[in-house]
Structures are given as C-alpha cells and as structure tokens.
Amino acid sequence: MSTNSLPTRSVTAERSTADPRRWLGLAVIALSTLMVVLDNSIVTIALPDAQADLGISDTNRQWVVTAYALAFGGLLLIGGRVADFTGRKRAFIIGLIGFAAASAVGGIAPDSAILIAARALQGAFAALLAPAALSLLVETFPEPRERAKAFGVYGAVQGAGGALGLVVGGMLTEYIDWRWCLLVNLPIAVVALLMAIPTLRESRASGDRRYDVPGAVLITAALISFVAALTFAATPGLGWRAPVTLILLPVGVVLVIAFFVVEGHTTHPLLPLRIIADRTRGGALLSGLFVFAGMFGMFLFLTYYFQVNLHYSPLQAGFAFLPFSGGIILTSTLAASLLPRLGGKVLLAGGTALGAIGIVLLTGLGTHSTYVGGVLPTLIIMSIGLGSAFVPLSALALNGVAPHDAGVASALVNVTQQVGGALGTAVLNTVYLSAISFFIVTHRSASATGFATSVAGLHVAFTVSGALLAAASVVAVVFIVRTKKTTSTPSQDDAPE
C-alpha cells in the first residue's frame, strides 16, 4: 500500500462522519454574522434622519453608534467563555433572539435615551452571538479543505458587510424610514433562528465550568475604558487632550496589566494565556487589529469624500462602495481555495501589502478628481488585497485552538475588529482634523477653505490608514510561521450533543 493513500483515506473518513447539514449551518452562521456586521454601517447612514426625528443633540448623537461598540467590544471575551461553557448553539440562539429584541426596541424608540440604550443592548447580545457563531463554524467543519471554504464565506461576509450596510441603510432611509435600519434585523433573525434550531449541532467545553469573574470584570472595564477614551478623543470639542481622555487611557492600561496578572495566577482563566502566547496566533490577532483600524478609517473618509466633494447622496455613496464589496466576495472565495496550498502567511502578508498600496493611492485624489478615474481603480486594488487577507486572518487566529477554548479564541478575533475599528476611527479623525488646522495655518489664502482644505486632511488620513495596513503586513511576515496547515483540525476534547 502506498503511503500517499493514507492522507486520502483519513480525509475520506473525516468526510463520511461530517454533519450532512453543515453547509446549511454555514448559511445560518453567515446570515447572523452579516446581521451583526451590517449593524454598524447601516445605522451610521440613518443617523442624520434619526437625529432630526428624535431631537438628538450634536453632542449626544455619537452615542447612537458608540454605545453599540462599547458594549460589543467590552463584553466579547466573557461572551466567548459563556458560549464555551453553556453550549455554543444555545449561546448562539440566545444571542440571536436578544439581538432581534433589542433591534425592535431601537426601531420603535420614542426618544434618544431608549434608542441609545437599545443600541447598547444590541452590542451586549452581539458579544454573545458573534463568538458563538465563529466557534460553531470551527466545530462544524473539521476537514481542512472544507473549513478553508467556510472561512472564505465568513471572510467575504466580514469584509463586504460594512460596505453593503451603507447601501442597505441608504435605501431604507431614503425610500422607507430610518427606523427600518434597525427593524430589518427582525426578519433576518427569524429566518436564521428557524434554520439554526434543526441545523446546528450543540457542543460545549468539557471539564470544570467555573467562570473567572475578576478577569471578566477587569478586561470588560479595560476595553470599555479604551473604546470610550478613543470615542471622546474623536469627539469635536474634546480630543486627545481632554481630561476624560487623559484619564481613561491610563486607567485602561492599568486594568489590562491587572487582568494579565490575574489570568496568570487563577486556576480558571477567562483568557488562557496559552491562546495568545502562540506566535502565529498572536501575530494574526495583532495583524487583524491593524487591518480593521486601517479599513474602518478608509470607509469613514471615503464616505466623507463622496458626500462632500462629489456631492453624492447617502444612497449614492453606498452604491459607490459596491465594487469594493464585490471584489471582497470574489477574492475571498479565491483565497479560500488557495489557503491550503499557499498557507495563511503568504496570503495575509501579500494581501495587506496590496491593500496598503491601494489606500495610499487615494492620496492622489484632488479637488477635481472623479469617481471613475480616481476612486474606482483604488477600490478594486483594495478589495483584492483585503479579500485575500480576511480569510487567513480568521483561520490563523483559530488554527490549532483546542475546542475547549474555541469560544474565547473566536471572541478574540471579534475583539480585534471592534477595538481596531474604534482605534482607527479615533486616530484617523484626530489626524484629519490636525492636518486641516495645519493646512489653514500654512496656506493663508482662499485656497485654504472648502474642498482644498478637506482634501489636504484626507491625504494625511489615507497615508496613516495605508501605514496601518503596511504594519499588518510586517507583523504577518515577522511573527507568523509559514505553514500550509492553516486549517488543521484541533484535538477533540469537547462534548458534542
């Protein structure tokens, strides 16, 4: 018997015992993930109408967006651990129902206080739903090549969801009502729930299921401190020098240090340090932080450029991102097939480098640039680069994780997205405003007003955004160990039901 036949027999045996409903399960996971990803950008487009309808002040309007990010980013780790211990399918269903209920409350909110509270509640349930969905994906697809395809779908949803949210939000706001940007989650959640109950298989971590309460409190408080500080730093009238920003940032650092001290000494850690101690996994998570910081900044400032410089409506601005979304979907599908052959390091390092080039090319935009001649080519380049990067990001971060830790590892992937997005938005907005101030001071003429001023700020913001993606590429090259076994199956120590 040839030794070359052994791997084939192993794969065949794995496929014969695979869940026959796994592809329907992937559809459920993708649908729920899309709902969570859409919710940030779709509400951003609806915010001006919501502000006018509910009489929200300019000072408080930002909380409609940041209340979601605060709760989501702050509770992700504990959400992942709850999913591990109580059952991933159970956590998924609870998160799905809770997210839909919070969306309904926000959709019928009579005032700003209830709307902001509903957004925070959405974030809390998303912190349970998102890691449960990703860990279910890992459990549902144990065979490496099929798992690579599943990660391709997941990466496409993650990458294209933000841009699609701008389109959907613009359509709902312009043709129906801003409230449907929240209410649209109800039919999506109902369909996902009806599919999830008969399709997904339950699994949970084995062994002692006690929770690390001190660790949960410390890391949640730390993440909330960081996200809040970055939010205040990006708020007009406050900024990086505001007392609240200067207090919250060091408080967050102290809380993070305290968290790691506790995790190193407790017998039931919320975040087992072995998860991030792995060189490849740690490198993937850090690279992801830079990727989402750069990408979220790109979305923010291109949206601004479309509406201010090109005079697009919100709906037109949303449609302008469609080539980016399409490129992400197509490239992610191709990257999924290449992942087992090339390995995650090549795709991640190359994809982020190409994405950085695309964003830096946006610095060539001027006051008379057009969409077709100036923006469209760079959107296509960025979509190819980032589409190549999204698939290995999730795969590398979860590669080789013991099923006992699947939930918390999945949560870490989402933490990098939320914290990276908040960091990128805050840093780039501050850089943008500083660049505008410098331009006005150094160009004391009529050209220092209007489009010329905004374009000067955009150039600096796009440069920094490109630098963040370049940093992601460098991290991938330095830290990630090159291997083609990016979707290997971890040891099975869970208790499937």
Protein backbone atom coordinates (compact mmCIF):
# COMPACT_ATOMS: atom_id res chain seq x y z
CA MET A 1 0.00 0.00 0.00
CA SER A 2 1.34 3.41 -0.96
CA THR A 3 1.86 5.89 1.84
CA ASN A 4 0.39 8.56 -0.41
CA SER A 5 -3.03 6.99 0.03
CA LEU A 6 -3.07 7.41 3.79
CA PRO A 7 -3.99 11.13 3.89
CA THR A 8 -6.71 10.49 1.32
CA ARG A 9 -8.23 7.74 3.44
CA SER A 10 -8.07 9.97 6.50
CA VAL A 11 -9.86 12.82 4.71
CA THR A 12 -12.43 10.40 3.31
CA ALA A 13 -13.13 9.02 6.76
CA GLU A 14 -13.47 12.54 8.11
CA ARG A 15 -15.96 13.46 5.41
CA SER A 16 -18.00 10.32 5.98
CA THR A 17 -18.61 11.32 9.60
CA ALA A 18 -19.16 15.01 8.84
CA ASP A 19 -22.50 16.59 9.60
CA PRO A 20 -24.63 16.35 6.41
CA ARG A 21 -26.29 19.67 7.37
CA ARG A 22 -23.00 21.54 7.70
CA TRP A 23 -23.48 23.73 4.60
CA LEU A 24 -26.90 24.83 5.81
CA GLY A 25 -25.20 25.53 9.14
CA LEU A 26 -22.70 27.73 7.32
CA ALA A 27 -25.59 29.66 5.75
CA VAL A 28 -27.05 30.27 9.22
CA ILE A 29 -23.69 31.41 10.60
CA ALA A 30 -23.08 33.69 7.60
CA LEU A 31 -26.55 35.22 7.84
CA SER A 32 -26.23 36.01 11.54
CA THR A 33 -22.69 37.34 11.08
CA LEU A 34 -23.88 39.59 8.26
CA MET A 35 -26.60 40.99 10.53
CA VAL A 36 -24.06 41.91 13.22
CA VAL A 37 -21.56 43.38 10.73
CA LEU A 38 -24.22 45.40 8.90
CA ASP A 39 -25.46 46.99 12.07
CA ASN A 40 -22.59 49.45 12.45
CA SER A 41 -22.62 50.99 8.99
CA ILE A 42 -26.36 50.72 8.36
CA VAL A 43 -27.12 52.83 11.45
CA THR A 44 -24.41 55.35 10.59
CA ILE A 45 -26.18 56.17 7.32
CA ALA A 46 -29.51 56.53 9.18
CA LEU A 47 -28.13 58.74 11.94
CA PRO A 48 -28.90 62.21 10.43
CA ASP A 49 -32.58 61.29 9.98
CA ALA A 50 -32.77 59.71 13.44
CA GLN A 51 -31.20 62.80 14.98
CA ALA A 52 -33.74 65.09 13.37
CA ASP A 53 -36.69 62.82 14.22
CA LEU A 54 -35.81 62.32 17.90
CA GLY A 55 -34.25 65.71 18.55
CA ILE A 56 -30.83 64.29 19.44
CA SER A 57 -28.20 66.95 20.12
CA ASP A 58 -24.94 67.12 18.17
CA THR A 59 -23.09 66.24 21.36
CA ASN A 60 -25.09 63.08 22.03
CA ARG A 61 -25.63 61.77 18.51
CA GLN A 62 -22.29 59.88 18.51
CA TRP A 63 -23.58 57.61 21.29
CA VAL A 64 -26.05 56.01 18.90
CA VAL A 65 -23.01 54.46 17.20
CA THR A 66 -20.54 54.14 20.08
CA ALA A 67 -22.97 52.61 22.60
CA TYR A 68 -23.03 49.55 20.34
CA ALA A 69 -19.24 49.40 20.02
CA LEU A 70 -18.71 49.88 23.76
CA ALA A 71 -20.97 47.00 24.75
CA PHE A 72 -19.80 44.77 21.89
CA GLY A 73 -16.07 45.26 22.41
CA GLY A 74 -16.27 45.29 26.20
CA LEU A 75 -18.23 42.06 26.60
CA LEU A 76 -16.78 39.90 23.82
CA LEU A 77 -14.36 37.87 25.91
CA ILE A 78 -16.88 36.95 28.56
CA GLY A 79 -19.36 36.23 25.77
CA GLY A 80 -16.94 33.76 24.22
CA ARG A 81 -16.39 31.99 27.53
CA VAL A 82 -20.13 31.80 28.21
CA ALA A 83 -20.54 30.18 24.78
CA ASP A 84 -17.83 27.62 25.62
CA PHE A 85 -19.39 26.59 28.90
CA THR A 86 -23.14 26.87 28.37
CA GLY A 87 -23.12 25.48 24.83
CA ARG A 88 -22.32 27.24 21.59
CA LYS A 89 -25.65 26.54 19.91
CA ARG A 90 -27.55 27.66 22.99
CA ALA A 91 -25.48 30.86 23.24
CA PHE A 92 -25.99 31.47 19.52
CA ILE A 93 -29.78 31.19 19.80
CA ILE A 94 -29.95 33.37 22.94
CA GLY A 95 -27.76 35.99 21.27
CA LEU A 96 -29.87 35.89 18.10
CA ILE A 97 -33.17 36.35 19.96
CA GLY A 98 -31.74 39.06 22.22
CA PHE A 99 -30.23 40.96 19.29
CA ALA A 100 -33.56 40.91 17.45
CA ALA A 101 -35.48 42.07 20.54
CA ALA A 102 -33.04 44.95 21.14
CA SER A 103 -33.34 45.92 17.46
CA ALA A 104 -37.13 46.06 17.81
CA VAL A 105 -36.86 48.33 20.86
CA GLY A 106 -34.48 50.64 19.00
CA GLY A 107 -36.72 50.66 15.94
CA ILE A 108 -39.73 51.95 17.88
CA ALA A 109 -37.75 54.15 20.31
CA PRO A 110 -39.69 57.32 21.19
CA ASP A 111 -36.61 59.27 22.33
CA SER A 112 -32.82 59.28 22.23
CA ALA A 113 -32.34 57.66 25.65
CA ILE A 114 -34.24 54.50 24.68
CA LEU A 115 -32.53 54.38 21.28
CA ILE A 116 -29.06 54.60 22.83
CA ALA A 117 -29.96 52.00 25.49
CA ALA A 118 -31.27 49.66 22.78
CA ARG A 119 -28.03 50.06 20.83
CA ALA A 120 -26.03 49.12 23.93
CA LEU A 121 -28.26 46.07 24.42
CA GLN A 122 -27.68 45.10 20.78
CA GLY A 123 -23.94 45.22 21.42
CA ALA A 124 -24.26 43.05 24.53
CA PHE A 125 -26.14 40.30 22.67
CA ALA A 126 -23.79 40.62 19.68
CA ALA A 127 -20.93 39.90 22.10
CA LEU A 128 -22.58 36.53 22.78
CA LEU A 129 -23.73 35.83 19.23
CA ALA A 130 -20.53 36.61 17.31
CA PRO A 131 -18.04 34.32 19.13
CA ALA A 132 -20.63 31.54 19.33
CA ALA A 133 -21.12 31.75 15.54
CA LEU A 134 -17.40 31.62 14.76
CA SER A 135 -16.71 28.74 17.16
CA LEU A 136 -19.66 26.82 15.66
CA LEU A 137 -18.05 27.28 12.26
CA VAL A 138 -14.83 25.71 13.56
CA GLU A 139 -16.72 22.79 15.09
CA THR A 140 -18.94 22.25 12.05
CA PHE A 141 -16.06 21.94 9.57
CA PRO A 142 -13.30 19.66 10.92
CA GLU A 143 -11.96 18.75 7.45
CA PRO A 144 -9.22 21.22 6.40
CA ARG A 145 -10.30 21.95 2.82
CA GLU A 146 -13.95 22.36 3.72
CA ARG A 147 -13.00 24.57 6.65
CA ALA A 148 -10.99 26.75 4.27
CA LYS A 149 -14.10 27.20 2.09
CA ALA A 150 -16.16 28.02 5.18
CA PHE A 151 -13.62 30.62 6.25
CA GLY A 152 -13.81 32.04 2.72
CA VAL A 153 -17.54 32.64 3.12
CA TYR A 154 -17.03 34.06 6.61
CA GLY A 155 -14.24 36.36 5.39
CA ALA A 156 -16.37 37.59 2.49
CA VAL A 157 -19.24 38.41 4.84
CA GLN A 158 -16.92 40.21 7.27
CA GLY A 159 -15.21 42.21 4.55
CA ALA A 160 -18.19 43.14 2.39
CA GLY A 161 -20.75 43.57 5.18
CA GLY A 162 -19.69 47.08 6.12
CA ALA A 163 -19.96 48.41 2.58
CA LEU A 164 -23.23 46.57 1.96
CA GLY A 165 -24.60 48.15 5.12
CA LEU A 166 -24.04 51.59 3.62
CA VAL A 167 -26.10 50.62 0.57
CA VAL A 168 -28.91 48.96 2.52
CA GLY A 169 -29.01 51.79 5.05
CA GLY A 170 -29.18 54.39 2.30
CA MET A 171 -32.04 52.58 0.55
CA LEU A 172 -34.09 52.05 3.72
CA THR A 173 -33.55 55.62 4.91
CA GLU A 174 -34.29 57.23 1.57
CA TYR A 175 -37.26 55.13 0.47
CA ILE A 176 -38.91 53.90 3.71
CA ASP A 177 -37.83 55.24 7.12
CA TRP A 178 -34.64 55.31 9.21
CA ARG A 179 -36.30 53.05 11.81
CA TRP A 180 -36.17 50.16 9.37
CA CYS A 181 -32.38 50.22 9.59
CA LEU A 182 -32.99 48.56 12.98
CA LEU A 183 -36.28 46.77 12.30
CA VAL A 184 -34.79 44.96 9.29
CA ASN A 185 -32.94 42.73 11.78
CA LEU A 186 -36.24 41.10 12.83
CA PRO A 187 -36.97 39.12 9.64
CA ILE A 188 -33.28 38.24 9.28
CA ALA A 189 -33.16 36.91 12.85
CA VAL A 190 -36.39 34.92 12.41
CA VAL A 191 -35.05 33.18 9.30
CA ALA A 192 -31.71 32.47 10.99
CA LEU A 193 -33.45 31.10 14.10
CA LEU A 194 -35.73 28.78 12.14
CA MET A 195 -32.71 27.44 10.26
CA ALA A 196 -30.44 27.20 13.31
CA ILE A 197 -32.64 25.03 15.53
CA PRO A 198 -32.67 21.94 13.26
CA THR A 199 -29.31 22.55 11.58
CA LEU A 200 -26.62 23.44 14.13
CA ARG A 201 -25.16 20.85 16.49
CA GLU A 202 -24.55 21.63 20.14
CA SER A 203 -21.05 21.47 21.63
CA ARG A 204 -19.51 22.80 24.80
CA ALA A 205 -16.21 22.79 26.65
CA SER A 206 -15.62 19.81 28.90
CA GLY A 207 -14.30 19.85 32.47
CA ASP A 208 -14.75 22.39 35.23
CA ARG A 209 -17.02 25.20 34.01
CA ARG A 210 -16.46 27.83 36.67
CA TYR A 211 -16.18 31.42 35.47
CA ASP A 212 -13.32 33.84 36.04
CA VAL A 213 -15.39 36.72 37.43
CA PRO A 214 -12.45 39.01 38.41
CA GLY A 215 -10.90 38.57 34.97
CA ALA A 216 -14.21 39.29 33.26
CA VAL A 217 -14.71 42.49 35.25
CA LEU A 218 -11.14 43.71 34.63
CA ILE A 219 -10.98 43.09 30.87
CA THR A 220 -14.50 44.40 30.28
CA ALA A 221 -13.71 47.58 32.20
CA ALA A 222 -10.38 47.92 30.35
CA LEU A 223 -11.93 47.56 26.91
CA ILE A 224 -14.73 49.97 27.75
CA SER A 225 -12.13 52.46 29.04
CA PHE A 226 -10.13 52.24 25.82
CA VAL A 227 -13.12 52.44 23.48
CA ALA A 228 -14.63 55.30 25.49
CA ALA A 229 -11.31 57.18 25.51
CA LEU A 230 -10.96 56.78 21.75
CA THR A 231 -14.56 57.89 21.28
CA PHE A 232 -14.02 61.03 23.35
CA ALA A 233 -10.75 61.68 21.52
CA ALA A 234 -12.66 61.77 18.24
CA THR A 235 -15.46 63.97 19.62
CA PRO A 236 -15.41 67.61 18.47
CA GLY A 237 -14.64 69.90 21.39
CA LEU A 238 -12.86 67.21 23.39
CA GLY A 239 -9.98 65.46 21.58
CA TRP A 240 -6.86 63.74 22.87
CA ARG A 241 -6.08 66.47 25.41
CA ALA A 242 -9.48 66.39 27.10
CA PRO A 243 -9.32 65.39 30.80
CA VAL A 244 -11.70 62.48 30.26
CA THR A 245 -9.46 61.10 27.51
CA LEU A 246 -6.27 61.57 29.54
CA ILE A 247 -7.84 59.77 32.49
CA LEU A 248 -9.46 56.86 30.66
CA LEU A 249 -6.39 55.84 28.62
CA PRO A 250 -4.05 55.20 31.59
CA VAL A 251 -6.92 53.62 33.53
CA GLY A 252 -7.36 51.19 30.63
CA VAL A 253 -3.63 50.36 30.65
CA VAL A 254 -3.65 49.68 34.40
CA LEU A 255 -6.72 47.47 34.06
CA VAL A 256 -5.12 45.45 31.25
CA ILE A 257 -1.98 44.88 33.34
CA ALA A 258 -4.12 43.81 36.29
CA PHE A 259 -6.08 41.47 34.01
CA PHE A 260 -2.95 39.65 32.82
CA VAL A 261 -1.67 39.36 36.39
CA VAL A 262 -4.96 37.75 37.43
CA GLU A 263 -5.03 35.45 34.38
CA GLY A 264 -1.53 34.24 35.14
CA HIS A 265 -2.48 33.17 38.68
CA THR A 266 -6.09 31.99 38.51
CA THR A 267 -6.91 28.31 38.00
CA HIS A 268 -9.87 29.08 35.69
CA PRO A 269 -8.73 31.98 33.48
CA LEU A 270 -11.14 33.82 31.23
CA LEU A 271 -8.32 34.11 28.69
CA PRO A 272 -5.83 31.24 28.97
CA LEU A 273 -2.51 32.90 28.16
CA ARG A 274 -1.57 29.90 26.01
CA ILE A 275 -4.03 31.16 23.40
CA ILE A 276 -2.18 34.41 22.70
CA ALA A 277 1.27 33.05 23.56
CA ASP A 278 1.31 31.09 20.31
CA ARG A 279 3.47 33.09 17.90
CA THR A 280 1.33 32.61 14.81
CA ARG A 281 -1.97 33.20 16.58
CA GLY A 282 -0.70 36.29 18.37
CA GLY A 283 0.69 37.65 15.10
CA ALA A 284 -2.64 37.07 13.33
CA LEU A 285 -4.58 38.85 16.06
CA LEU A 286 -2.20 41.83 16.06
CA SER A 287 -2.26 41.98 12.27
CA GLY A 288 -6.06 41.93 12.38
CA LEU A 289 -6.05 44.88 14.77
CA PHE A 290 -4.09 46.95 12.23
CA VAL A 291 -6.19 45.74 9.28
CA PHE A 292 -9.51 46.79 10.77
CA ALA A 293 -8.09 50.07 12.07
CA GLY A 294 -6.99 50.96 8.55
CA MET A 295 -10.11 49.69 6.79
CA PHE A 296 -12.63 51.39 9.08
CA GLY A 297 -10.75 54.65 8.58
CA MET A 298 -10.90 54.19 4.82
CA PHE A 299 -14.68 53.71 4.97
CA LEU A 300 -15.14 56.80 7.12
CA PHE A 301 -13.15 59.21 4.97
CA LEU A 302 -14.20 57.87 1.58
CA THR A 303 -17.82 58.27 2.68
CA TYR A 304 -16.98 61.87 3.60
CA TYR A 305 -15.26 62.42 0.24
CA PHE A 306 -18.23 61.03 -1.70
CA GLN A 307 -20.81 63.19 0.05
CA VAL A 308 -18.85 66.44 0.42
CA ASN A 309 -16.51 66.55 -2.55
CA LEU A 310 -18.52 64.57 -5.10
CA HIS A 311 -21.92 65.72 -3.74
CA TYR A 312 -23.31 62.18 -3.51
CA SER A 313 -26.44 61.40 -1.53
CA PRO A 314 -26.15 58.74 1.21
CA LEU A 315 -27.64 56.17 -1.17
CA GLN A 316 -25.25 57.12 -3.97
CA ALA A 317 -22.33 56.95 -1.54
CA GLY A 318 -23.41 53.48 -0.52
CA PHE A 319 -23.59 52.29 -4.12
CA ALA A 320 -20.13 53.74 -4.75
CA PHE A 321 -18.74 51.07 -2.41
CA LEU A 322 -20.35 48.18 -4.32
CA PRO A 323 -17.24 47.43 -6.45
CA PHE A 324 -15.28 47.10 -3.20
CA SER A 325 -17.88 44.69 -1.77
CA GLY A 326 -17.97 42.64 -4.98
CA GLY A 327 -14.19 42.45 -5.10
CA ILE A 328 -14.04 41.30 -1.48
CA ILE A 329 -16.53 38.49 -2.13
CA LEU A 330 -14.81 37.24 -5.28
CA THR A 331 -11.30 37.48 -3.84
CA SER A 332 -12.26 35.82 -0.55
CA THR A 333 -13.68 32.88 -2.48
CA LEU A 334 -10.44 32.53 -4.44
CA ALA A 335 -8.34 32.96 -1.30
CA ALA A 336 -10.24 30.13 0.39
CA SER A 337 -9.17 27.73 -2.36
CA LEU A 338 -5.57 28.96 -2.21
CA LEU A 339 -5.31 28.82 1.59
CA PRO A 340 -4.48 25.09 1.91
CA ARG A 341 -1.88 25.39 -0.87
CA LEU A 342 -0.11 28.64 -0.05
CA GLY A 343 -0.72 28.88 3.69
CA GLY A 344 -2.00 31.84 5.65
CA LYS A 345 1.25 33.79 5.92
CA VAL A 346 1.64 34.38 2.18
CA LEU A 347 -1.99 35.44 1.69
CA LEU A 348 -2.10 37.67 4.76
CA ALA A 349 1.23 39.42 4.18
CA GLY A 350 0.64 39.86 0.45
CA GLY A 351 -2.99 40.90 0.80
CA THR A 352 -2.36 43.55 3.43
CA ALA A 353 0.58 44.94 1.45
CA LEU A 354 -1.61 45.27 -1.66
CA GLY A 355 -4.37 46.86 0.43
CA ALA A 356 -1.87 49.39 1.77
CA ILE A 357 -0.82 50.31 -1.77
CA GLY A 358 -4.45 50.82 -2.74
CA ILE A 359 -5.19 53.13 0.18
CA VAL A 360 -2.02 55.18 -0.33
CA LEU A 361 -3.04 55.69 -3.98
CA LEU A 362 -6.07 57.56 -2.65
CA THR A 363 -3.70 60.37 -1.69
CA GLY A 364 -3.71 61.22 -5.39
CA LEU A 365 -7.30 62.44 -5.15
CA GLY A 366 -7.72 66.15 -5.74
CA THR A 367 -10.45 68.75 -5.81
CA HIS A 368 -11.32 67.85 -9.41
CA SER A 369 -10.93 64.06 -9.25
CA THR A 370 -13.75 61.84 -10.44
CA TYR A 371 -15.10 58.56 -9.12
CA VAL A 372 -14.28 56.51 -12.23
CA GLY A 373 -10.85 58.00 -12.80
CA GLY A 374 -9.71 58.49 -9.19
CA VAL A 375 -11.58 56.27 -6.74
CA LEU A 376 -12.75 53.16 -8.61
CA PRO A 377 -9.29 51.75 -9.51
CA THR A 378 -8.10 52.06 -5.91
CA LEU A 379 -11.28 50.41 -4.60
CA ILE A 380 -10.61 47.43 -6.85
CA ILE A 381 -6.98 47.16 -5.70
CA MET A 382 -8.00 47.38 -2.04
CA SER A 383 -10.75 44.80 -2.44
CA ILE A 384 -8.30 42.29 -3.94
CA GLY A 385 -5.79 42.88 -1.17
CA LEU A 386 -8.18 42.86 1.77
CA GLY A 387 -10.24 39.99 0.33
CA SER A 388 -7.03 37.95 0.29
CA ALA A 389 -6.31 38.90 3.91
CA PHE A 390 -9.68 38.31 5.61
CA VAL A 391 -9.74 34.54 5.08
CA PRO A 392 -6.30 33.76 6.61
CA LEU A 393 -6.89 36.25 9.45
CA SER A 394 -9.65 34.14 10.99
CA ALA A 395 -8.08 30.83 10.01
CA LEU A 396 -4.67 31.64 11.56
CA ALA A 397 -6.21 33.07 14.73
CA LEU A 398 -8.19 29.84 15.29
CA ASN A 399 -5.74 27.33 13.88
CA GLY A 400 -4.87 24.60 16.38
CA VAL A 401 -7.05 26.01 19.17
CA ALA A 402 -8.32 23.27 21.46
CA PRO A 403 -12.12 23.03 21.21
CA HIS A 404 -12.26 23.82 24.95
CA ASP A 405 -11.01 27.34 24.07
CA ALA A 406 -12.84 27.79 20.75
CA GLY A 407 -15.33 30.33 22.09
CA VAL A 408 -12.82 32.65 23.73
CA ALA A 409 -10.45 32.39 20.74
CA SER A 410 -13.32 33.30 18.44
CA ALA A 411 -14.15 36.23 20.71
CA LEU A 412 -10.57 37.49 20.38
CA VAL A 413 -11.00 37.64 16.60
CA ASN A 414 -14.05 39.87 17.06
CA VAL A 415 -12.28 41.95 19.73
CA THR A 416 -9.55 42.87 17.23
CA GLN A 417 -12.23 44.02 14.79
CA GLN A 418 -14.16 46.15 17.27
CA VAL A 419 -11.15 47.64 19.06
CA GLY A 420 -9.25 48.05 15.78
CA GLY A 421 -12.21 49.82 14.20
CA ALA A 422 -12.64 52.16 17.16
CA LEU A 423 -8.91 52.85 17.29
CA GLY A 424 -8.70 53.55 13.56
CA THR A 425 -11.70 55.86 13.56
CA ALA A 426 -10.49 57.88 16.55
CA VAL A 427 -6.85 58.14 15.49
CA LEU A 428 -7.58 58.97 11.85
CA ASN A 429 -10.25 61.52 12.72
CA THR A 430 -7.80 63.30 15.03
CA VAL A 431 -5.09 63.17 12.34
CA TYR A 432 -7.55 64.51 9.77
CA LEU A 433 -8.56 67.49 11.92
CA SER A 434 -4.92 68.25 12.81
CA ALA A 435 -3.96 68.19 9.12
CA ILE A 436 -6.76 70.62 8.28
CA SER A 437 -5.65 73.02 11.02
CA PHE A 438 -2.04 72.86 9.79
CA PHE A 439 -3.14 73.46 6.18
CA ILE A 440 -5.16 76.53 7.12
CA VAL A 441 -2.24 77.98 9.09
CA THR A 442 0.31 77.39 6.31
CA HIS A 443 -1.96 78.45 3.40
CA ARG A 444 -3.31 81.86 4.29
CA SER A 445 -5.36 82.33 1.15
CA ALA A 446 -8.72 81.48 -0.35
CA SER A 447 -7.41 78.04 -1.22
CA ALA A 448 -7.29 77.23 2.49
CA THR A 449 -11.05 76.88 2.59
CA GLY A 450 -13.58 74.46 1.15
CA PHE A 451 -12.56 71.43 -0.87
CA ALA A 452 -8.82 72.11 -0.84
CA THR A 453 -8.79 72.03 2.96
CA SER A 454 -10.78 68.81 3.24
CA VAL A 455 -8.67 67.09 0.58
CA ALA A 456 -5.48 68.04 2.47
CA GLY A 457 -6.89 66.35 5.57
CA LEU A 458 -7.96 63.30 3.55
CA HIS A 459 -4.47 62.88 2.11
CA VAL A 460 -2.93 62.62 5.58
CA ALA A 461 -5.70 60.32 6.83
CA PHE A 462 -5.27 57.97 3.86
CA THR A 463 -1.49 57.94 4.36
CA VAL A 464 -1.88 56.88 8.00
CA SER A 465 -4.54 54.33 7.02
CA GLY A 466 -2.15 52.82 4.48
CA ALA A 467 0.60 52.75 7.11
CA LEU A 468 -1.67 50.70 9.39
CA LEU A 469 -2.17 48.09 6.67
CA ALA A 470 1.55 48.08 5.95
CA ALA A 471 2.15 47.43 9.66
CA ALA A 472 -0.24 44.46 9.42
CA SER A 473 1.85 43.06 6.57
CA VAL A 474 5.09 43.49 8.54
CA VAL A 475 3.58 41.74 11.57
CA ALA A 476 2.50 38.83 9.36
CA VAL A 477 5.99 38.47 7.90
CA VAL A 478 7.78 38.67 11.26
CA PHE A 479 5.52 36.66 13.56
CA ILE A 480 3.54 34.12 11.55
CA VAL A 481 5.23 30.80 10.95
CA ARG A 482 4.87 29.73 7.35
CA THR A 483 2.85 26.55 7.03
CA LYS A 484 0.24 25.24 4.66
CA LYS A 485 -1.65 23.54 7.51
CA THR A 486 -3.67 26.63 8.26
CA THR A 487 -6.95 24.82 8.73
CA SER A 488 -5.80 21.79 10.65
CA THR A 489 -8.22 20.14 12.98
CA PRO A 490 -7.58 20.64 16.70
CA SER A 491 -7.76 17.81 19.13
CA GLN A 492 -11.28 16.88 20.07
CA ASP A 493 -12.00 17.29 23.76
CA ASP A 494 -15.49 18.72 23.53
CA ALA A 495 -18.73 17.02 24.30
CA PRO A 496 -20.87 17.22 21.17
CA GLU A 497 -24.55 16.68 21.52
